[in-house]
Amino acid sequence: MVDGREKNGLYDLYEDVIAEMGLSVLSTRLPDSKKFRRDLSEERKSVFRSTIFPMDASLLKGSGIREFSEEISRIIKPQ
């Protein structure tokens, strides 16, 4: 998770140090967002943390989860 209050340069520095160690890191950054903590309630009809149901489009937007899952898919199953 990426904290929006931190500078992107800090994360770039982390990636450089990790690369110098010979390790790889995923390039997708997930923002630290409170919407990841939403649950099903009587007022809300959408479920975000469900592993069974697809995410509501309004919660998916800006989450980076689609990009993250695509990056993982490319690593697991290269074309």
N, C-alpha and C. Protein backbone atom coordinates (compact mmCIF):
# COMPACT_ATOMS: atom_id res chain seq x y z
N MET A 1 0.83 -1.18 0.00
CA MET A 1 0.00 0.00 0.00
C MET A 1 0.88 1.25 0.00
N VAL A 2 0.47 2.22 -0.74
CA VAL A 2 1.20 3.47 -0.86
C VAL A 2 0.45 4.55 -0.09
N ASP A 3 1.12 5.18 0.86
CA ASP A 3 0.53 6.27 1.63
C ASP A 3 0.65 7.54 0.80
N GLY A 4 -0.47 8.17 0.49
CA GLY A 4 -0.49 9.36 -0.35
C GLY A 4 0.26 10.54 0.23
N ARG A 5 0.50 10.53 1.54
CA ARG A 5 1.23 11.63 2.18
C ARG A 5 2.72 11.55 1.93
N GLU A 6 3.20 10.38 1.55
CA GLU A 6 4.63 10.20 1.28
C GLU A 6 4.95 10.64 -0.14
N LYS A 7 6.17 11.04 -0.36
CA LYS A 7 6.63 11.44 -1.69
C LYS A 7 6.89 10.20 -2.53
N ASN A 8 6.55 10.26 -3.82
CA ASN A 8 6.83 9.14 -4.72
C ASN A 8 8.32 8.85 -4.78
N GLY A 9 9.15 9.86 -4.62
CA GLY A 9 10.60 9.66 -4.64
C GLY A 9 11.08 8.69 -3.59
N LEU A 10 10.40 8.68 -2.45
CA LEU A 10 10.76 7.76 -1.38
C LEU A 10 10.54 6.32 -1.83
N TYR A 11 9.42 6.07 -2.47
CA TYR A 11 9.14 4.72 -2.96
C TYR A 11 10.10 4.35 -4.08
N ASP A 12 10.47 5.31 -4.92
CA ASP A 12 11.46 5.06 -5.97
C ASP A 12 12.80 4.67 -5.36
N LEU A 13 13.18 5.33 -4.27
CA LEU A 13 14.42 5.01 -3.58
C LEU A 13 14.37 3.59 -3.02
N TYR A 14 13.24 3.22 -2.42
CA TYR A 14 13.07 1.85 -1.92
C TYR A 14 13.27 0.85 -3.06
N GLU A 15 12.66 1.13 -4.21
CA GLU A 15 12.77 0.22 -5.36
C GLU A 15 14.21 0.11 -5.83
N ASP A 16 14.96 1.21 -5.82
CA ASP A 16 16.37 1.19 -6.22
C ASP A 16 17.19 0.30 -5.28
N VAL A 17 16.97 0.45 -3.99
CA VAL A 17 17.70 -0.35 -3.00
C VAL A 17 17.35 -1.82 -3.16
N ILE A 18 16.09 -2.12 -3.36
CA ILE A 18 15.66 -3.51 -3.55
C ILE A 18 16.30 -4.09 -4.80
N ALA A 19 16.36 -3.31 -5.88
CA ALA A 19 16.98 -3.77 -7.13
C ALA A 19 18.48 -4.02 -6.93
N GLU A 20 19.15 -3.16 -6.16
CA GLU A 20 20.58 -3.36 -5.87
C GLU A 20 20.83 -4.66 -5.12
N MET A 21 19.83 -5.09 -4.35
CA MET A 21 19.94 -6.35 -3.61
C MET A 21 19.66 -7.55 -4.50
N GLY A 22 19.30 -7.30 -5.76
CA GLY A 22 19.03 -8.39 -6.69
C GLY A 22 17.62 -8.95 -6.58
N LEU A 23 16.75 -8.22 -5.94
CA LEU A 23 15.37 -8.66 -5.78
C LEU A 23 14.48 -7.89 -6.75
N SER A 24 13.34 -8.45 -7.04
CA SER A 24 12.39 -7.74 -7.90
C SER A 24 11.19 -7.31 -7.07
N VAL A 25 10.51 -6.30 -7.58
CA VAL A 25 9.35 -5.76 -6.87
C VAL A 25 8.26 -5.48 -7.91
N LEU A 26 7.02 -5.63 -7.51
CA LEU A 26 5.92 -5.33 -8.40
C LEU A 26 5.89 -3.82 -8.66
N SER A 27 5.51 -3.44 -9.86
CA SER A 27 5.50 -2.01 -10.20
C SER A 27 4.18 -1.32 -9.87
N THR A 28 3.11 -2.09 -9.68
CA THR A 28 1.81 -1.50 -9.38
C THR A 28 1.78 -1.04 -7.93
N ARG A 29 1.28 0.16 -7.73
CA ARG A 29 1.15 0.71 -6.38
C ARG A 29 -0.32 0.85 -6.03
N LEU A 30 -0.68 0.30 -4.89
CA LEU A 30 -2.06 0.40 -4.41
C LEU A 30 -2.14 1.54 -3.40
N PRO A 31 -3.03 2.49 -3.63
CA PRO A 31 -3.15 3.60 -2.67
C PRO A 31 -3.74 3.11 -1.35
N ASP A 32 -3.27 3.69 -0.26
CA ASP A 32 -3.82 3.39 1.06
C ASP A 32 -5.13 4.15 1.17
N SER A 33 -6.22 3.44 0.94
CA SER A 33 -7.52 4.08 0.88
C SER A 33 -8.46 3.47 1.90
N LYS A 34 -9.29 4.31 2.49
CA LYS A 34 -10.25 3.83 3.48
C LYS A 34 -11.37 3.03 2.85
N LYS A 35 -11.56 3.16 1.54
CA LYS A 35 -12.65 2.42 0.92
C LYS A 35 -12.39 0.92 0.91
N PHE A 36 -11.13 0.50 1.15
CA PHE A 36 -10.85 -0.93 1.24
C PHE A 36 -11.45 -1.54 2.50
N ARG A 37 -11.81 -0.71 3.44
CA ARG A 37 -12.33 -1.21 4.71
C ARG A 37 -13.86 -1.29 4.75
N ARG A 38 -14.50 -0.91 3.68
CA ARG A 38 -15.96 -0.91 3.67
C ARG A 38 -16.50 -2.33 3.67
N ASP A 39 -17.54 -2.50 4.41
CA ASP A 39 -18.23 -3.79 4.50
C ASP A 39 -19.65 -3.63 4.01
N LEU A 40 -20.32 -4.75 3.90
CA LEU A 40 -21.74 -4.74 3.56
C LEU A 40 -22.52 -4.23 4.77
N SER A 41 -23.35 -3.25 4.55
CA SER A 41 -24.19 -2.75 5.62
C SER A 41 -25.58 -2.50 5.04
N GLU A 42 -26.51 -2.16 5.88
CA GLU A 42 -27.87 -1.95 5.40
C GLU A 42 -27.96 -0.74 4.48
N GLU A 43 -27.13 0.28 4.74
CA GLU A 43 -27.16 1.48 3.90
C GLU A 43 -26.44 1.25 2.57
N ARG A 44 -25.42 0.40 2.57
CA ARG A 44 -24.61 0.17 1.38
C ARG A 44 -24.99 -1.17 0.76
N LYS A 45 -25.09 -1.18 -0.54
CA LYS A 45 -25.45 -2.41 -1.23
C LYS A 45 -24.24 -3.11 -1.83
N SER A 46 -23.08 -2.47 -1.82
CA SER A 46 -21.91 -3.05 -2.47
C SER A 46 -21.02 -3.78 -1.47
N VAL A 47 -20.34 -4.79 -1.96
CA VAL A 47 -19.39 -5.54 -1.16
C VAL A 47 -18.03 -5.37 -1.81
N PHE A 48 -17.05 -4.90 -1.06
CA PHE A 48 -15.73 -4.67 -1.64
C PHE A 48 -14.77 -5.80 -1.30
N ARG A 49 -14.81 -6.30 -0.10
CA ARG A 49 -13.82 -7.29 0.32
C ARG A 49 -14.24 -8.72 0.02
N SER A 50 -15.28 -8.91 -0.71
CA SER A 50 -15.75 -10.25 -1.01
C SER A 50 -14.83 -10.94 -2.00
N THR A 51 -14.59 -12.21 -1.78
CA THR A 51 -13.83 -13.00 -2.74
C THR A 51 -14.75 -13.76 -3.67
N ILE A 52 -16.04 -13.65 -3.44
CA ILE A 52 -17.03 -14.37 -4.26
C ILE A 52 -17.64 -13.45 -5.30
N PHE A 53 -18.03 -12.26 -4.89
CA PHE A 53 -18.73 -11.34 -5.78
C PHE A 53 -17.76 -10.34 -6.41
N PRO A 54 -18.04 -9.91 -7.64
CA PRO A 54 -17.18 -8.88 -8.25
C PRO A 54 -17.35 -7.56 -7.50
N MET A 55 -16.32 -6.73 -7.57
CA MET A 55 -16.35 -5.44 -6.89
C MET A 55 -17.31 -4.49 -7.59
N ASP A 56 -17.91 -3.62 -6.82
CA ASP A 56 -18.73 -2.56 -7.38
C ASP A 56 -17.81 -1.62 -8.15
N ALA A 57 -18.24 -1.20 -9.33
CA ALA A 57 -17.40 -0.36 -10.21
C ALA A 57 -16.96 0.94 -9.53
N SER A 58 -17.83 1.53 -8.71
CA SER A 58 -17.47 2.79 -8.05
C SER A 58 -16.36 2.59 -7.03
N LEU A 59 -16.29 1.42 -6.41
CA LEU A 59 -15.22 1.14 -5.44
C LEU A 59 -13.93 0.72 -6.14
N LEU A 60 -14.06 0.10 -7.30
CA LEU A 60 -12.89 -0.36 -8.05
C LEU A 60 -12.11 0.81 -8.65
N LYS A 61 -12.83 1.85 -9.04
CA LYS A 61 -12.20 3.01 -9.69
C LYS A 61 -11.16 3.65 -8.77
N GLY A 62 -9.95 3.80 -9.28
CA GLY A 62 -8.88 4.44 -8.54
C GLY A 62 -8.21 3.57 -7.49
N SER A 63 -8.64 2.31 -7.37
CA SER A 63 -8.06 1.44 -6.35
C SER A 63 -6.75 0.80 -6.79
N GLY A 64 -6.53 0.69 -8.11
CA GLY A 64 -5.33 0.05 -8.62
C GLY A 64 -5.39 -1.46 -8.59
N ILE A 65 -6.51 -2.00 -8.13
CA ILE A 65 -6.62 -3.45 -8.00
C ILE A 65 -6.64 -4.14 -9.37
N ARG A 66 -7.30 -3.54 -10.34
CA ARG A 66 -7.33 -4.14 -11.69
C ARG A 66 -5.91 -4.22 -12.25
N GLU A 67 -5.14 -3.13 -12.13
CA GLU A 67 -3.77 -3.11 -12.63
C GLU A 67 -2.90 -4.11 -11.87
N PHE A 68 -3.12 -4.19 -10.56
CA PHE A 68 -2.37 -5.13 -9.73
C PHE A 68 -2.63 -6.57 -10.16
N SER A 69 -3.90 -6.90 -10.35
CA SER A 69 -4.24 -8.27 -10.74
C SER A 69 -3.72 -8.60 -12.14
N GLU A 70 -3.72 -7.61 -13.04
CA GLU A 70 -3.18 -7.84 -14.38
C GLU A 70 -1.67 -8.07 -14.32
N GLU A 71 -0.97 -7.33 -13.47
CA GLU A 71 0.47 -7.52 -13.33
C GLU A 71 0.78 -8.91 -12.77
N ILE A 72 0.04 -9.32 -11.76
CA ILE A 72 0.21 -10.67 -11.19
C ILE A 72 -0.06 -11.73 -12.25
N SER A 73 -1.12 -11.53 -13.04
CA SER A 73 -1.46 -12.49 -14.10
C SER A 73 -0.34 -12.62 -15.12
N ARG A 74 0.28 -11.50 -15.50
CA ARG A 74 1.39 -11.55 -16.46
C ARG A 74 2.58 -12.33 -15.90
N ILE A 75 2.81 -12.21 -14.60
CA ILE A 75 3.93 -12.92 -13.98
C ILE A 75 3.64 -14.42 -13.90
N ILE A 76 2.43 -14.75 -13.50
CA ILE A 76 2.06 -16.15 -13.33
C ILE A 76 1.92 -16.86 -14.67
N LYS A 77 1.32 -16.18 -15.64
CA LYS A 77 1.06 -16.79 -16.94
C LYS A 77 1.56 -15.87 -18.04
N PRO A 78 2.87 -15.87 -18.30
CA PRO A 78 3.39 -15.02 -19.37
C PRO A 78 2.88 -15.48 -20.73
N GLN A 79 2.68 -14.52 -21.62
CA GLN A 79 2.13 -14.87 -22.94
C GLN A 79 3.19 -15.13 -23.94
